[in-house]
C-alpha atoms as a PDB file:
ATOM      1  CA  MET A   1     -94.441  88.781-106.295  1.00  0.00           C
ATOM      2  CA  LYS A   2     -94.833  85.234-105.972  1.00  0.00           C
ATOM      3  CA  SER A   3     -95.970  84.279-102.223  1.00  0.00           C
ATOM      4  CA  PRO A   4     -93.576  82.132-100.194  1.00  0.00           C
ATOM      5  CA  ALA A   5     -96.058  79.645-100.679  1.00  0.00           C
ATOM      6  CA  GLY A   6     -95.994  79.138-104.459  1.00  0.00           C
ATOM      7  CA  ALA A   7     -92.394  79.375-104.028  1.00  0.00           C
ATOM      8  CA  ARG A   8     -92.737  76.024-102.023  1.00  0.00           C
ATOM      9  CA  ARG A   9     -95.692  74.419-103.872  1.00  0.00           C
ATOM     10  CA  ALA A  10     -93.079  74.966-107.213  1.00  0.00           C
ATOM     11  CA  ASN A  11     -90.089  73.026-105.726  1.00  0.00           C
ATOM     12  CA  ILE A  12     -92.114  70.419-104.339  1.00  0.00           C
ATOM     13  CA  VAL A  13     -92.858  69.086-108.577  1.00  0.00           C
ATOM     14  CA  PRO A  14     -89.283  69.306-109.804  1.00  0.00           C
ATOM     15  CA  SER A  15     -88.729  66.510-106.195  1.00  0.00           C
ATOM     16  CA  ARG A  16     -91.473  64.834-107.458  1.00  0.00           C
ATOM     17  CA  GLY A  17     -90.607  64.077-111.075  1.00  0.00           C
ATOM     18  CA  ARG A  18     -87.657  62.985-110.187  1.00  0.00           C
ATOM     19  CA  ARG A  19     -89.208  60.016-107.713  1.00  0.00           C
ATOM     20  CA  VAL A  20     -90.718  58.899-110.172  1.00  0.00           C
ATOM     21  CA  TRP A  21     -87.962  59.145-113.054  1.00  0.00           C
ATOM     22  CA  ILE A  22     -86.013  56.850-110.165  1.00  0.00           C
ATOM     23  CA  ARG A  23     -88.990  54.394-109.810  1.00  0.00           C
ATOM     24  CA  ILE A  24     -88.630  53.815-113.228  1.00  0.00           C
ATOM     25  CA  ALA A  25     -84.960  53.234-113.417  1.00  0.00           C
ATOM     26  CA  LEU A  26     -85.208  50.922-110.817  1.00  0.00           C
ATOM     27  CA  VAL A  27     -87.937  48.681-112.542  1.00  0.00           C
ATOM     28  CA  LEU A  28     -86.242  49.258-115.976  1.00  0.00           C
ATOM     29  CA  VAL A  29     -82.772  47.578-113.879  1.00  0.00           C
ATOM     30  CA  ALA A  30     -84.636  44.730-111.856  1.00  0.00           C
ATOM     31  CA  ALA A  31     -86.429  43.700-115.285  1.00  0.00           C
ATOM     32  CA  ASN A  32     -83.020  43.875-116.726  1.00  0.00           C
ATOM     33  CA  LEU A  33     -81.554  41.632-114.151  1.00  0.00           C
ATOM     34  CA  VAL A  34     -84.417  38.883-113.745  1.00  0.00           C
ATOM     35  CA  GLY A  35     -84.125  38.570-117.867  1.00  0.00           C
ATOM     36  CA  LEU A  36     -80.440  38.244-117.370  1.00  0.00           C
ATOM     37  CA  THR A  37     -81.500  35.818-114.719  1.00  0.00           C
ATOM     38  CA  THR A  38     -84.055  33.924-116.449  1.00  0.00           C
ATOM     39  CA  GLU A  39     -81.592  33.884-119.915  1.00  0.00           C
ATOM     40  CA  ALA A  40     -78.966  32.647-117.393  1.00  0.00           C
ATOM     41  CA  ALA A  41     -81.218  29.949-116.095  1.00  0.00           C
ATOM     42  CA  THR A  42     -82.071  28.039-119.871  1.00  0.00           C
ATOM     43  CA  SER A  43     -78.814  28.707-121.218  1.00  0.00           C
ATOM     44  CA  PRO A  44     -76.783  24.878-121.590  1.00  0.00           C
ATOM     45  CA  ASP A  45     -74.092  25.289-118.896  1.00  0.00           C
ATOM     46  CA  ALA A  46     -77.212  25.926-116.626  1.00  0.00           C
ATOM     47  CA  GLN A  47     -79.031  23.085-117.981  1.00  0.00           C
ATOM     48  CA  ALA A  48     -76.540  20.607-117.550  1.00  0.00           C
ATOM     49  CA  ALA A  49     -75.759  21.458-113.856  1.00  0.00           C
ATOM     50  CA  ILE A  50     -79.492  20.921-113.286  1.00  0.00           C
ATOM     51  CA  GLU A  51     -79.010  17.662-114.604  1.00  0.00           C
ATOM     52  CA  ASP A  52     -75.823  16.674-112.778  1.00  0.00           C
ATOM     53  CA  ASP A  53     -77.615  17.977-109.614  1.00  0.00           C
ATOM     54  CA  THR A  54     -80.314  15.554-109.886  1.00  0.00           C
ATOM     55  CA  LEU A  55     -78.906  12.805-110.824  1.00  0.00           C
ATOM     56  CA  ALA A  56     -76.656  13.067-108.235  1.00  0.00           C
ATOM     57  CA  ALA A  57     -79.782  13.333-106.158  1.00  0.00           C
ATOM     58  CA  LYS A  58     -80.851   9.747-107.407  1.00  0.00           C
ATOM     59  CA  GLU A  59     -77.724   8.340-106.544  1.00  0.00           C
ATOM     60  CA  ALA A  60     -77.261   9.269-103.295  1.00  0.00           C
ATOM     61  CA  HIS A  61     -81.010   8.180-102.781  1.00  0.00           C
ATOM     62  CA  ILE A  62     -80.452   4.613-104.227  1.00  0.00           C
ATOM     63  CA  VAL A  63     -77.460   4.251-102.113  1.00  0.00           C
ATOM     64  CA  ASP A  64     -79.265   4.903 -99.349  1.00  0.00           C
ATOM     65  CA  GLN A  65     -81.680   2.262-100.793  1.00  0.00           C
ATOM     66  CA  THR A  66     -79.457  -0.154-100.836  1.00  0.00           C
ATOM     67  CA  ALA A  67     -77.911   0.184 -97.644  1.00  0.00           C
ATOM     68  CA  HIS A  68     -80.921   0.473 -95.791  1.00  0.00           C
ATOM     69  CA  ALA A  69     -81.674  -2.876 -97.542  1.00  0.00           C
ATOM     70  CA  GLN A  70     -78.171  -4.704 -96.632  1.00  0.00           C
ATOM     71  CA  GLU A  71     -79.428  -3.543 -92.831  1.00  0.00           C
ATOM     72  CA  VAL A  72     -82.419  -4.825 -92.958  1.00  0.00           C
ATOM     73  CA  GLN A  73     -81.449  -8.369 -95.282  1.00  0.00           C
ATOM     74  CA  PRO A  74     -80.092 -11.381 -92.598  1.00  0.00           C
ATOM     75  CA  ALA A  75     -76.640 -12.296 -93.214  1.00  0.00           C
ATOM     76  CA  LEU A  76     -76.147 -15.541 -95.227  1.00  0.00           C
ATOM     77  CA  PRO A  77     -74.092 -18.603 -93.479  1.00  0.00           C
ATOM     78  CA  PRO A  78     -70.717 -18.527 -95.316  1.00  0.00           C
ATOM     79  CA  GLU A  79     -71.082 -21.256 -98.355  1.00  0.00           C
ATOM     80  CA  PRO A  80     -69.083 -24.609 -96.958  1.00  0.00           C
ATOM     81  CA  ASP A  81     -65.337 -25.622 -98.404  1.00  0.00           C
ATOM     82  CA  LEU A  82     -65.961 -28.333-100.889  1.00  0.00           C
ATOM     83  CA  PRO A  83     -63.644 -31.101-100.766  1.00  0.00           C
ATOM     84  CA  GLN A  84     -59.825 -31.406-103.476  1.00  0.00           C
ATOM     85  CA  PRO A  85     -59.874 -34.785-104.745  1.00  0.00           C
ATOM     86  CA  ALA A  86     -56.648 -36.172-104.151  1.00  0.00           C
ATOM     87  CA  LEU A  87     -55.318 -36.476-107.622  1.00  0.00           C
ATOM     88  CA  GLU A  88     -56.079 -33.158-109.667  1.00  0.00           C
ATOM     89  CA  GLY A  89     -56.421 -33.667-113.560  1.00  0.00           C
ATOM     90  CA  ILE A  90     -58.676 -35.696-115.061  1.00  0.00           C
ATOM     91  CA  VAL A  91     -58.523 -37.688-118.370  1.00  0.00           C
ATOM     92  CA  GLY A  92     -58.813 -35.927-121.691  1.00  0.00           C
ATOM     93  CA  GLN A  93     -57.281 -32.220-119.462  1.00  0.00           C
ATOM     94  CA  ALA A  94     -54.510 -31.195-119.622  1.00  0.00           C
ATOM     95  CA  GLU A  95     -52.770 -31.198-116.474  1.00  0.00           C
ATOM     96  CA  SER A  96     -50.074 -28.620-117.341  1.00  0.00           C
ATOM     97  CA  ALA A  97     -48.270 -26.571-119.773  1.00  0.00           C
ATOM     98  CA  THR A  98     -45.914 -29.592-119.933  1.00  0.00           C
ATOM     99  CA  PRO A  99     -48.245 -32.387-121.120  1.00  0.00           C
ATOM    100  CA  ARG A 100     -47.115 -36.074-118.895  1.00  0.00           C
ATOM    101  CA  ARG A 101     -44.578 -38.639-120.857  1.00  0.00           C
ATOM    102  CA  LEU A 102     -45.649 -40.961-118.452  1.00  0.00           C
ATOM    103  CA  GLN A 103     -48.823 -42.479-118.598  1.00  0.00           C
ATOM    104  CA  TYR A 104     -50.421 -45.711-117.474  1.00  0.00           C
ATOM    105  CA  HIS A 105     -54.331 -47.523-116.826  1.00  0.00           C
ATOM    106  CA  VAL A 106     -55.301 -50.467-114.815  1.00  0.00           C
ATOM    107  CA  SER A 107     -58.249 -52.311-115.268  1.00  0.00           C
ATOM    108  CA  LEU A 108     -60.006 -55.358-114.429  1.00  0.00           C
ATOM    109  CA  ALA A 109     -62.815 -57.506-116.097  1.00  0.00           C
ATOM    110  CA  VAL A 110     -64.936 -60.541-113.977  1.00  0.00           C
ATOM    111  CA  ARG A 111     -67.807 -61.950-116.212  1.00  0.00           C
ATOM    112  CA  SER A 112     -69.314 -65.654-116.503  1.00  0.00           C
ATOM    113  CA  VAL A 113     -70.719 -67.008-119.430  1.00  0.00           C
ATOM    114  CA  TYR A 114     -72.693 -70.951-119.540  1.00  0.00           C
ATOM    115  CA  ASP A 115     -71.565 -72.868-122.905  1.00  0.00           C
ATOM    116  CA  ASP A 116     -73.557 -76.099-124.152  1.00  0.00           C
ATOM    117  CA  ASN A 117     -70.257 -77.527-125.652  1.00  0.00           C
ATOM    118  CA  ILE A 118     -67.185 -76.285-123.466  1.00  0.00           C
ATOM    119  CA  ASN A 119     -64.355 -78.787-124.911  1.00  0.00           C
ATOM    120  CA  LEU A 120     -66.436 -77.771-128.973  1.00  0.00           C
ATOM    121  CA  ASN A 121     -67.289 -81.601-129.538  1.00  0.00           C
ATOM    122  CA  PRO A 122     -70.014 -82.557-131.805  1.00  0.00           C
ATOM    123  CA  SER A 123     -70.138 -85.629-130.831  1.00  0.00           C
ATOM    124  CA  ASN A 124     -69.694 -85.239-126.607  1.00  0.00           C
ATOM    125  CA  ARG A 125     -71.188 -82.484-126.338  1.00  0.00           C
ATOM    126  CA  GLU A 126     -70.751 -81.221-122.316  1.00  0.00           C
ATOM    127  CA  ASP A 127     -72.061 -78.086-120.915  1.00  0.00           C
ATOM    128  CA  ASP A 128     -70.594 -75.704-117.723  1.00  0.00           C
ATOM    129  CA  ILE A 129     -70.491 -72.520-116.425  1.00  0.00           C
ATOM    130  CA  TYR A 130     -66.925 -70.597-116.103  1.00  0.00           C
ATOM    131  CA  THR A 131     -66.244 -67.453-114.950  1.00  0.00           C
ATOM    132  CA  THR A 132     -63.232 -65.520-116.226  1.00  0.00           C
ATOM    133  CA  ILE A 133     -61.073 -62.629-114.345  1.00  0.00           C
ATOM    134  CA  GLU A 134     -58.913 -60.309-116.793  1.00  0.00           C
ATOM    135  CA  PRO A 135     -57.226 -57.371-115.078  1.00  0.00           C
ATOM    136  CA  THR A 136     -54.996 -55.714-117.711  1.00  0.00           C
ATOM    137  CA  ILE A 137     -52.122 -53.472-117.486  1.00  0.00           C
ATOM    138  CA  ASP A 138     -50.963 -50.593-119.639  1.00  0.00           C
ATOM    139  CA  VAL A 139     -48.148 -48.484-119.282  1.00  0.00           C
ATOM    140  CA  GLY A 140     -46.652 -45.944-121.803  1.00  0.00           C
ATOM    141  CA  PHE A 141     -43.907 -43.271-121.870  1.00  0.00           C
ATOM    142  CA  GLY A 142     -44.050 -40.311-124.533  1.00  0.00           C
ATOM    143  CA  GLN A 143     -46.406 -39.044-127.175  1.00  0.00           C
ATOM    144  CA  ALA A 144     -48.370 -41.022-129.547  1.00  0.00           C
ATOM    145  CA  ASP A 145     -47.923 -38.067-132.792  1.00  0.00           C
ATOM    146  CA  GLY A 146     -44.400 -38.910-131.452  1.00  0.00           C
ATOM    147  CA  ASN A 147     -41.497 -41.142-130.086  1.00  0.00           C
ATOM    148  CA  TYR A 148     -43.038 -43.569-127.534  1.00  0.00           C
ATOM    149  CA  VAL A 149     -43.175 -46.807-126.357  1.00  0.00           C
ATOM    150  CA  ALA A 150     -46.262 -48.999-124.600  1.00  0.00           C
ATOM    151  CA  LEU A 151     -46.388 -52.333-122.569  1.00  0.00           C
ATOM    152  CA  THR A 152     -49.357 -54.241-121.713  1.00  0.00           C
ATOM    153  CA  TYR A 153     -50.328 -56.993-119.957  1.00  0.00           C
ATOM    154  CA  ALA A 154     -53.747 -58.336-119.878  1.00  0.00           C
ATOM    155  CA  PRO A 155     -53.663 -62.254-117.844  1.00  0.00           C
ATOM    156  CA  ASN A 156     -56.800 -64.234-117.990  1.00  0.00           C
ATOM    157  CA  ALA A 157     -57.829 -66.803-115.992  1.00  0.00           C
ATOM    158  CA  PHE A 158     -61.111 -69.596-116.355  1.00  0.00           C
ATOM    159  CA  PHE A 159     -62.600 -70.775-113.717  1.00  0.00           C
ATOM    160  CA  PHE A 160     -64.958 -73.612-114.248  1.00  0.00           C
ATOM    161  CA  VAL A 161     -67.677 -74.895-111.814  1.00  0.00           C
ATOM    162  CA  ASN A 162     -67.875 -78.916-113.089  1.00  0.00           C
ATOM    163  CA  HIS A 163     -65.347 -79.084-114.703  1.00  0.00           C
ATOM    164  CA  SER A 164     -61.785 -77.944-112.612  1.00  0.00           C
ATOM    165  CA  GLU A 165     -59.652 -80.204-114.754  1.00  0.00           C
ATOM    166  CA  ASN A 166     -60.416 -76.892-117.378  1.00  0.00           C
ATOM    167  CA  ASP A 167     -59.035 -74.483-115.462  1.00  0.00           C
ATOM    168  CA  ALA A 168     -56.215 -72.325-117.601  1.00  0.00           C
ATOM    169  CA  LEU A 169     -54.707 -68.997-117.145  1.00  0.00           C
ATOM    170  CA  GLN A 170     -53.879 -67.549-120.012  1.00  0.00           C
ATOM    171  CA  HIS A 171     -51.388 -64.456-120.665  1.00  0.00           C
ATOM    172  CA  ILE A 172     -51.055 -61.921-123.956  1.00  0.00           C
ATOM    173  CA  ILE A 173     -48.050 -59.571-123.855  1.00  0.00           C
ATOM    174  CA  SER A 174     -48.127 -56.254-126.373  1.00  0.00           C
ATOM    175  CA  LEU A 175     -45.172 -54.371-126.797  1.00  0.00           C
ATOM    176  CA  THR A 176     -45.123 -51.157-129.521  1.00  0.00           C
ATOM    177  CA  GLY A 177     -42.497 -48.346-129.762  1.00  0.00           C
ATOM    178  CA  GLN A 178     -42.650 -45.373-132.448  1.00  0.00           C
ATOM    179  CA  TYR A 179     -39.454 -43.403-133.388  1.00  0.00           C
ATOM    180  CA  ARG A 180     -40.017 -40.387-135.525  1.00  0.00           C
ATOM    181  CA  PHE A 181     -37.170 -38.679-137.984  1.00  0.00           C
ATOM    182  CA  PRO A 182     -38.182 -35.284-140.366  1.00  0.00           C
ATOM    183  CA  LEU A 183     -39.141 -37.087-142.985  1.00  0.00           C
ATOM    184  CA  LEU A 184     -39.336 -41.170-141.621  1.00  0.00           C
ATOM    185  CA  THR A 185     -41.585 -42.646-139.162  1.00  0.00           C
ATOM    186  CA  LEU A 186     -40.877 -45.858-137.949  1.00  0.00           C
ATOM    187  CA  SER A 187     -43.101 -48.157-135.642  1.00  0.00           C
ATOM    188  CA  LEU A 188     -42.790 -51.816-134.270  1.00  0.00           C
ATOM    189  CA  ALA A 189     -45.158 -54.274-132.552  1.00  0.00           C
ATOM    190  CA  GLN A 190     -44.792 -57.273-130.455  1.00  0.00           C
ATOM    191  CA  ASP A 191     -47.407 -59.405-129.108  1.00  0.00           C
ATOM    192  CA  VAL A 192     -46.895 -62.541-127.225  1.00  0.00           C
ATOM    193  CA  GLN A 193     -50.499 -65.124-126.544  1.00  0.00           C
ATOM    194  CA  ILE A 194     -49.681 -68.150-124.409  1.00  0.00           C
ATOM    195  CA  LEU A 195     -53.036 -70.069-124.196  1.00  0.00           C
ATOM    196  CA  ASN A 196     -54.355 -72.673-122.863  1.00  0.00           C
ATOM    197  CA  GLY A 197     -58.202 -74.129-124.277  1.00  0.00           C
ATOM    198  CA  THR A 198     -60.134 -73.724-126.045  1.00  0.00           C
ATOM    199  CA  GLY A 199     -58.512 -69.678-127.316  1.00  0.00           C
ATOM    200  CA  LEU A 200     -61.315 -67.946-125.653  1.00  0.00           C
ATOM    201  CA  ASN A 201     -60.548 -64.161-125.966  1.00  0.00           C
ATOM    202  CA  ALA A 202     -57.580 -65.127-128.501  1.00  0.00           C
ATOM    203  CA  ASP A 203     -56.865 -62.864-131.695  1.00  0.00           C
ATOM    204  CA  THR A 204     -56.561 -66.234-133.320  1.00  0.00           C
ATOM    205  CA  GLY A 205     -60.792 -66.847-133.092  1.00  0.00           C
ATOM    206  CA  THR A 206     -63.636 -65.938-134.183  1.00  0.00           C
ATOM    207  CA  GLY A 207     -67.267 -64.655-131.965  1.00  0.00           C
ATOM    208  CA  THR A 208     -68.116 -62.094-129.929  1.00  0.00           C
ATOM    209  CA  THR A 209     -65.485 -60.545-127.177  1.00  0.00           C
ATOM    210  CA  PHE A 210     -66.356 -63.126-124.791  1.00  0.00           C
ATOM    211  CA  THR A 211     -67.433 -65.959-126.783  1.00  0.00           C
ATOM    212  CA  ARG A 212     -64.616 -66.512-128.917  1.00  0.00           C
ATOM    213  CA  THR A 213     -63.192 -69.762-129.785  1.00  0.00           C
ATOM    214  CA  ASN A 214     -60.402 -70.983-131.366  1.00  0.00           C
ATOM    215  CA  LEU A 215     -61.753 -73.033-134.560  1.00  0.00           C
ATOM    216  CA  ASP A 216     -58.641 -73.752-136.130  1.00  0.00           C
ATOM    217  CA  VAL A 217     -58.322 -76.833-133.580  1.00  0.00           C
ATOM    218  CA  ALA A 218     -62.147 -76.999-132.506  1.00  0.00           C
ATOM    219  CA  GLY A 219     -60.532 -77.995-129.140  1.00  0.00           C
ATOM    220  CA  ARG A 220     -58.722 -77.767-126.126  1.00  0.00           C
ATOM    221  CA  THR A 221     -54.825 -77.120-126.882  1.00  0.00           C
ATOM    222  CA  ARG A 222     -52.018 -75.162-125.500  1.00  0.00           C
ATOM    223  CA  VAL A 223     -50.672 -72.945-127.862  1.00  0.00           C
ATOM    224  CA  ASN A 224     -48.359 -69.880-127.928  1.00  0.00           C
ATOM    225  CA  ILE A 225     -48.694 -67.224-130.446  1.00  0.00           C
ATOM    226  CA  TYR A 226     -45.951 -64.508-131.426  1.00  0.00           C
ATOM    227  CA  SER A 227     -46.591 -61.246-134.429  1.00  0.00           C
ATOM    228  CA  THR A 228     -44.169 -58.726-135.193  1.00  0.00           C
ATOM    229  CA  ARG A 229     -45.020 -55.876-137.314  1.00  0.00           C
ATOM    230  CA  LEU A 230     -42.981 -53.567-138.952  1.00  0.00           C
ATOM    231  CA  ASN A 231     -44.151 -50.351-140.246  1.00  0.00           C
ATOM    232  CA  ALA A 232     -42.808 -47.235-141.607  1.00  0.00           C
ATOM    233  CA  ASN A 233     -44.021 -43.773-143.419  1.00  0.00           C
ATOM    234  CA  TYR A 234     -41.691 -41.748-145.638  1.00  0.00           C
ATOM    235  CA  SER A 235     -42.851 -37.853-147.162  1.00  0.00           C
ATOM    236  CA  LEU A 236     -41.853 -37.337-149.969  1.00  0.00           C
ATOM    237  CA  THR A 237     -43.474 -33.818-149.984  1.00  0.00           C
ATOM    238  CA  GLY A 238     -46.323 -32.177-149.207  1.00  0.00           C
ATOM    239  CA  LYS A 239     -49.097 -34.002-150.835  1.00  0.00           C
ATOM    240  CA  THR A 240     -47.456 -37.825-151.013  1.00  0.00           C
ATOM    241  CA  PHE A 241     -45.695 -40.215-149.214  1.00  0.00           C
ATOM    242  CA  LEU A 242     -44.150 -44.039-149.643  1.00  0.00           C
ATOM    243  CA  THR A 243     -45.802 -46.573-146.853  1.00  0.00           C
ATOM    244  CA  ALA A 244     -44.288 -49.987-146.270  1.00  0.00           C
ATOM    245  CA  GLY A 245     -45.228 -52.830-143.553  1.00  0.00           C
ATOM    246  CA  LEU A 246     -43.482 -56.167-142.665  1.00  0.00           C
ATOM    247  CA  ASP A 247     -45.513 -58.830-140.828  1.00  0.00           C
ATOM    248  CA  TYR A 248     -44.521 -62.212-139.323  1.00  0.00           C
ATOM    249  CA  SER A 249     -46.497 -64.242-137.318  1.00  0.00           C
ATOM    250  CA  LEU A 250     -45.861 -67.644-135.544  1.00  0.00           C
ATOM    251  CA  SER A 251     -48.371 -70.263-133.831  1.00  0.00           C
ATOM    252  CA  ASP A 252     -46.572 -73.030-131.972  1.00  0.00           C
ATOM    253  CA  TYR A 253     -48.705 -75.718-130.959  1.00  0.00           C
ATOM    254  CA  GLN A 254     -47.473 -78.345-128.406  1.00  0.00           C
ATOM    255  CA  THR A 255     -49.581 -81.315-129.928  1.00  0.00           C
ATOM    256  CA  LEU A 256     -50.263 -80.364-133.451  1.00  0.00           C
ATOM    257  CA  ILE A 257     -48.727 -78.671-135.985  1.00  0.00           C
ATOM    258  CA  SER A 258     -47.198 -75.375-135.768  1.00  0.00           C
ATOM    259  CA  SER A 259     -47.208 -72.661-138.941  1.00  0.00           C
ATOM    260  CA  SER A 260     -45.521 -69.110-139.284  1.00  0.00           C
ATOM    261  CA  VAL A 261     -46.389 -66.508-141.850  1.00  0.00           C
ATOM    262  CA  LEU A 262     -44.280 -63.552-143.377  1.00  0.00           C
ATOM    263  CA  SER A 263     -45.934 -61.079-145.495  1.00  0.00           C
ATOM    264  CA  GLY A 264     -45.070 -57.612-146.532  1.00  0.00           C
ATOM    265  CA  ASN A 265     -46.865 -54.681-148.560  1.00  0.00           C
ATOM    266  CA  VAL A 266     -45.260 -51.377-150.073  1.00  0.00           C
ATOM    267  CA  TYR A 267     -47.865 -48.100-151.081  1.00  0.00           C
ATOM    268  CA  PHE A 268     -47.674 -44.969-152.509  1.00  0.00           C
ATOM    269  CA  ASN A 269     -49.896 -42.642-151.309  1.00  0.00           C
ATOM    270  CA  TYR A 270     -51.265 -38.980-152.767  1.00  0.00           C
END
């Protein structure tokens, strides 16, 4: 028979063996859990979640820095209100969807000129300084590429320093109009010039803008000039059209011989 002590020793051995196996099983389970955790952390979804958290943290940091900079930086004074012009719109800019039909323009020119022969006399030359005041008023209604009517009035006043007897007031009036039909366009122009002197600034003379003289008379005289022009444009096809014009001019002198000119033209255009 075995002694009781031997029996207890035999019972203890199996108990230790079971503990060892339990420990081994626990180690294996822990290793599996660690592997699963590592796989989960290295999966694409986990990496995306980590990147999102990192980006959110960076954005929050930037927002905190911006708010701190705004608190530290002193507030700038408000910008002053700029005065608005009394008249809205500038020439060349559309003021509204519908173009303005009534248009006007006012200008003034003042100039002084020295002339060594104010009477255009080759034998008795007289020099003087004169000043001209030339206002211009333009009024138009309609559109230039459609139907319109326009009026221009430009008086010219001449004042001489030493020869006040040559002071004069001239008038230049121009009236033009145009009307468009579906295929036909008609335009009419009437010019009236009431001149007194050597024809300065008149279309009858030659020279620059402010030294033009009437060489047909070669002296100081009074003359009224009337000019009429009628033009027509008729479209035949998309590439061909007819143009015609009729011009009439009358030069009416007070003390000299008057004259008139009538001319016309017709053109076929391609």
